[in-house]
PDB file of N, CA and C in Angstrom:
ATOM      1  N   UNK A   1      87.826  78.729 136.178  1.00  0.00           N
ATOM      2  CA  UNK A   1      88.629  78.564 134.920  1.00  0.00           C
ATOM      3  C   UNK A   1      88.175  79.536 134.031  1.00  0.00           C
ATOM      4  N   UNK A   2      86.739  79.766 133.823  1.00  0.00           N
ATOM      5  CA  UNK A   2      86.150  80.692 132.881  1.00  0.00           C
ATOM      6  C   UNK A   2      86.522  82.103 133.197  1.00  0.00           C
ATOM      7  N   UNK A   3      86.650  82.513 134.434  1.00  0.00           N
ATOM      8  CA  UNK A   3      87.071  83.899 134.769  1.00  0.00           C
ATOM      9  C   UNK A   3      88.413  84.148 134.450  1.00  0.00           C
ATOM     10  N   UNK A   4      89.185  83.229 134.444  1.00  0.00           N
ATOM     11  CA  UNK A   4      90.615  83.424 134.227  1.00  0.00           C
ATOM     12  C   UNK A   4      90.845  83.611 132.815  1.00  0.00           C
ATOM     13  N   UNK A   5      90.080  82.882 131.998  1.00  0.00           N
ATOM     14  CA  UNK A   5      90.157  83.075 130.509  1.00  0.00           C
ATOM     15  C   UNK A   5      89.705  84.378 130.102  1.00  0.00           C
ATOM     16  N   UNK A   6      88.616  84.797 130.731  1.00  0.00           N
ATOM     17  CA  UNK A   6      88.030  86.085 130.368  1.00  0.00           C
ATOM     18  C   UNK A   6      88.961  87.318 130.780  1.00  0.00           C
ATOM     19  N   UNK A   7      89.738  87.147 131.918  1.00  0.00           N
ATOM     20  CA  UNK A   7      90.601  88.028 132.209  1.00  0.00           C
ATOM     21  C   UNK A   7      91.926  88.079 131.069  1.00  0.00           C
ATOM     22  N   UNK A   8      92.346  86.847 130.738  1.00  0.00           N
ATOM     23  CA  UNK A   8      93.447  86.850 129.664  1.00  0.00           C
ATOM     24  C   UNK A   8      93.021  87.484 128.268  1.00  0.00           C
ATOM     25  N   UNK A   9      91.673  87.260 127.958  1.00  0.00           N
ATOM     26  CA  UNK A   9      91.217  87.924 126.750  1.00  0.00           C
ATOM     27  C   UNK A   9      91.110  89.429 126.944  1.00  0.00           C
ATOM     28  N   UNK A  10      90.924  89.939 128.130  1.00  0.00           N
ATOM     29  CA  UNK A  10      90.829  91.388 128.308  1.00  0.00           C
ATOM     30  C   UNK A  10      92.245  91.924 128.372  1.00  0.00           C
ATOM     31  N   UNK A  11      93.125  91.280 128.854  1.00  0.00           N
ATOM     32  CA  UNK A  11      94.595  91.705 128.824  1.00  0.00           C
ATOM     33  C   UNK A  11      95.040  91.650 127.418  1.00  0.00           C
ATOM     34  N   UNK A  12      94.693  90.669 126.605  1.00  0.00           N
ATOM     35  CA  UNK A  12      95.084  90.613 125.234  1.00  0.00           C
ATOM     36  C   UNK A  12      94.671  91.879 124.502  1.00  0.00           C
ATOM     37  N   UNK A  13      93.338  92.322 124.809  1.00  0.00           N
ATOM     38  CA  UNK A  13      92.813  93.474 124.038  1.00  0.00           C
ATOM     39  C   UNK A  13      93.699  94.716 124.511  1.00  0.00           C
ATOM     40  N   UNK A  14      93.904  94.883 125.712  1.00  0.00           N
ATOM     41  CA  UNK A  14      94.597  95.923 126.107  1.00  0.00           C
ATOM     42  C   UNK A  14      95.964  96.008 125.780  1.00  0.00           C
ATOM     43  N   UNK A  15      96.703  94.938 125.493  1.00  0.00           N
ATOM     44  CA  UNK A  15      98.080  94.852 125.112  1.00  0.00           C
ATOM     45  C   UNK A  15      98.317  94.977 123.655  1.00  0.00           C
ATOM     46  N   UNK A  16      97.299  94.966 122.887  1.00  0.00           N
ATOM     47  CA  UNK A  16      97.391  95.010 121.431  1.00  0.00           C
ATOM     48  C   UNK A  16      96.438  96.276 121.061  1.00  0.00           C
ATOM     49  N   UNK A  17      96.956  97.392 121.057  1.00  0.00           N
ATOM     50  CA  UNK A  17      96.008  98.597 120.658  1.00  0.00           C
ATOM     51  C   UNK A  17      95.340  98.460 119.331  1.00  0.00           C
ATOM     52  N   UNK A  18      95.883  97.948 118.597  1.00  0.00           N
ATOM     53  CA  UNK A  18      95.250  97.759 117.110  1.00  0.00           C
ATOM     54  C   UNK A  18      93.967  96.915 117.123  1.00  0.00           C
ATOM     55  N   UNK A  19      94.021  95.771 117.927  1.00  0.00           N
ATOM     56  CA  UNK A  19      92.881  94.942 118.171  1.00  0.00           C
ATOM     57  C   UNK A  19      91.715  95.741 119.002  1.00  0.00           C
ATOM     58  N   UNK A  20      92.205  96.434 119.912  1.00  0.00           N
ATOM     59  CA  UNK A  20      91.170  97.300 120.764  1.00  0.00           C
ATOM     60  C   UNK A  20      90.392  98.220 119.973  1.00  0.00           C
ATOM     61  N   UNK A  21      91.312  98.942 118.923  1.00  0.00           N
ATOM     62  CA  UNK A  21      90.665  99.901 118.077  1.00  0.00           C
ATOM     63  C   UNK A  21      89.674  99.345 117.148  1.00  0.00           C
ATOM     64  N   UNK A  22      90.060  98.220 116.675  1.00  0.00           N
ATOM     65  CA  UNK A  22      89.039  97.486 115.612  1.00  0.00           C
ATOM     66  C   UNK A  22      87.780  97.041 116.420  1.00  0.00           C
ATOM     67  N   UNK A  23      87.848  96.588 117.605  1.00  0.00           N
ATOM     68  CA  UNK A  23      86.735  96.248 118.429  1.00  0.00           C
ATOM     69  C   UNK A  23      86.033  97.381 118.652  1.00  0.00           C
ATOM     70  N   UNK A  24      86.456  98.551 119.126  1.00  0.00           N
ATOM     71  CA  UNK A  24      85.655  99.648 119.296  1.00  0.00           C
ATOM     72  C   UNK A  24      85.000 100.225 117.997  1.00  0.00           C
ATOM     73  N   UNK A  25      85.592 100.125 116.958  1.00  0.00           N
ATOM     74  CA  UNK A  25      84.988 100.483 115.703  1.00  0.00           C
ATOM     75  C   UNK A  25      83.911  99.633 115.375  1.00  0.00           C
ATOM     76  N   UNK A  26      84.135  98.323 115.587  1.00  0.00           N
ATOM     77  CA  UNK A  26      83.119  97.422 115.242  1.00  0.00           C
ATOM     78  C   UNK A  26      81.725  97.635 116.220  1.00  0.00           C
ATOM     79  N   UNK A  27      81.907  98.022 117.444  1.00  0.00           N
ATOM     80  CA  UNK A  27      81.067  98.293 118.343  1.00  0.00           C
ATOM     81  C   UNK A  27      80.079  99.552 117.979  1.00  0.00           C
ATOM     82  N   UNK A  28      80.796 100.420 117.235  1.00  0.00           N
ATOM     83  CA  UNK A  28      80.043 101.603 116.858  1.00  0.00           C
ATOM     84  C   UNK A  28      79.410 101.471 115.491  1.00  0.00           C
ATOM     85  N   UNK A  29      79.608 100.418 114.675  1.00  0.00           N
ATOM     86  CA  UNK A  29      79.092 100.111 113.483  1.00  0.00           C
ATOM     87  C   UNK A  29      77.593  99.826 113.602  1.00  0.00           C
ATOM     88  N   UNK A  30      76.800 100.602 112.889  1.00  0.00           N
ATOM     89  CA  UNK A  30      75.322 100.263 113.000  1.00  0.00           C
ATOM     90  C   UNK A  30      74.992  99.021 112.359  1.00  0.00           C
ATOM     91  N   UNK A  31      74.049  98.331 113.000  1.00  0.00           N
ATOM     92  CA  UNK A  31      73.521  96.846 112.529  1.00  0.00           C
ATOM     93  C   UNK A  31      73.223  96.924 110.989  1.00  0.00           C
ATOM     94  N   UNK A  32      72.752  97.887 110.686  1.00  0.00           N
ATOM     95  CA  UNK A  32      72.320  97.999 109.242  1.00  0.00           C
ATOM     96  C   UNK A  32      73.490  98.075 108.300  1.00  0.00           C
ATOM     97  N   UNK A  33      74.614  98.330 108.745  1.00  0.00           N
ATOM     98  CA  UNK A  33      75.850  98.293 107.921  1.00  0.00           C
ATOM     99  C   UNK A  33      76.624  96.926 108.036  1.00  0.00           C
ATOM    100  N   UNK A  34      76.171  96.031 108.833  1.00  0.00           N
ATOM    101  CA  UNK A  34      76.869  94.823 109.050  1.00  0.00           C
ATOM    102  C   UNK A  34      76.414  93.739 108.162  1.00  0.00           C
ATOM    103  N   UNK A  35      77.067  92.738 107.792  1.00  0.00           N
ATOM    104  CA  UNK A  35      76.815  91.643 107.016  1.00  0.00           C
ATOM    105  C   UNK A  35      76.143  90.612 107.736  1.00  0.00           C
ATOM    106  N   UNK A  36      75.038  90.048 107.170  1.00  0.00           N
ATOM    107  CA  UNK A  36      74.290  88.970 107.815  1.00  0.00           C
ATOM    108  C   UNK A  36      75.160  87.760 107.984  1.00  0.00           C
ATOM    109  N   UNK A  37      74.883  87.084 108.987  1.00  0.00           N
ATOM    110  CA  UNK A  37      75.639  85.927 109.378  1.00  0.00           C
ATOM    111  C   UNK A  37      75.415  84.719 108.252  1.00  0.00           C
ATOM    112  N   UNK A  38      74.274  84.892 107.631  1.00  0.00           N
ATOM    113  CA  UNK A  38      73.946  83.880 106.545  1.00  0.00           C
ATOM    114  C   UNK A  38      74.922  84.177 105.302  1.00  0.00           C
ATOM    115  N   UNK A  39      75.444  85.459 105.165  1.00  0.00           N
ATOM    116  CA  UNK A  39      76.243  85.932 103.985  1.00  0.00           C
ATOM    117  C   UNK A  39      77.758  85.646 104.273  1.00  0.00           C
ATOM    118  N   UNK A  40      78.238  85.139 105.429  1.00  0.00           N
ATOM    119  CA  UNK A  40      79.482  84.866 105.749  1.00  0.00           C
ATOM    120  C   UNK A  40      79.789  83.394 105.333  1.00  0.00           C
ATOM    121  N   UNK A  41      80.863  83.363 104.525  1.00  0.00           N
ATOM    122  CA  UNK A  41      81.503  82.105 104.015  1.00  0.00           C
ATOM    123  C   UNK A  41      82.871  81.771 104.708  1.00  0.00           C
ATOM    124  N   UNK A  42      82.817  80.889 105.523  1.00  0.00           N
ATOM    125  CA  UNK A  42      84.026  80.619 106.424  1.00  0.00           C
ATOM    126  C   UNK A  42      84.834  79.824 105.419  1.00  0.00           C
TER     127      UNK A  42
END
């Protein structure tokens, strides 16, 4: 079941170019530019 969900998540990313672009930008963001998890208010 886990593999199927992973495949669905991957398909979602490829079917929504905006989401894929944001993910790629996030992956290229230096850790020093990221907000600490302690500073995130849900």
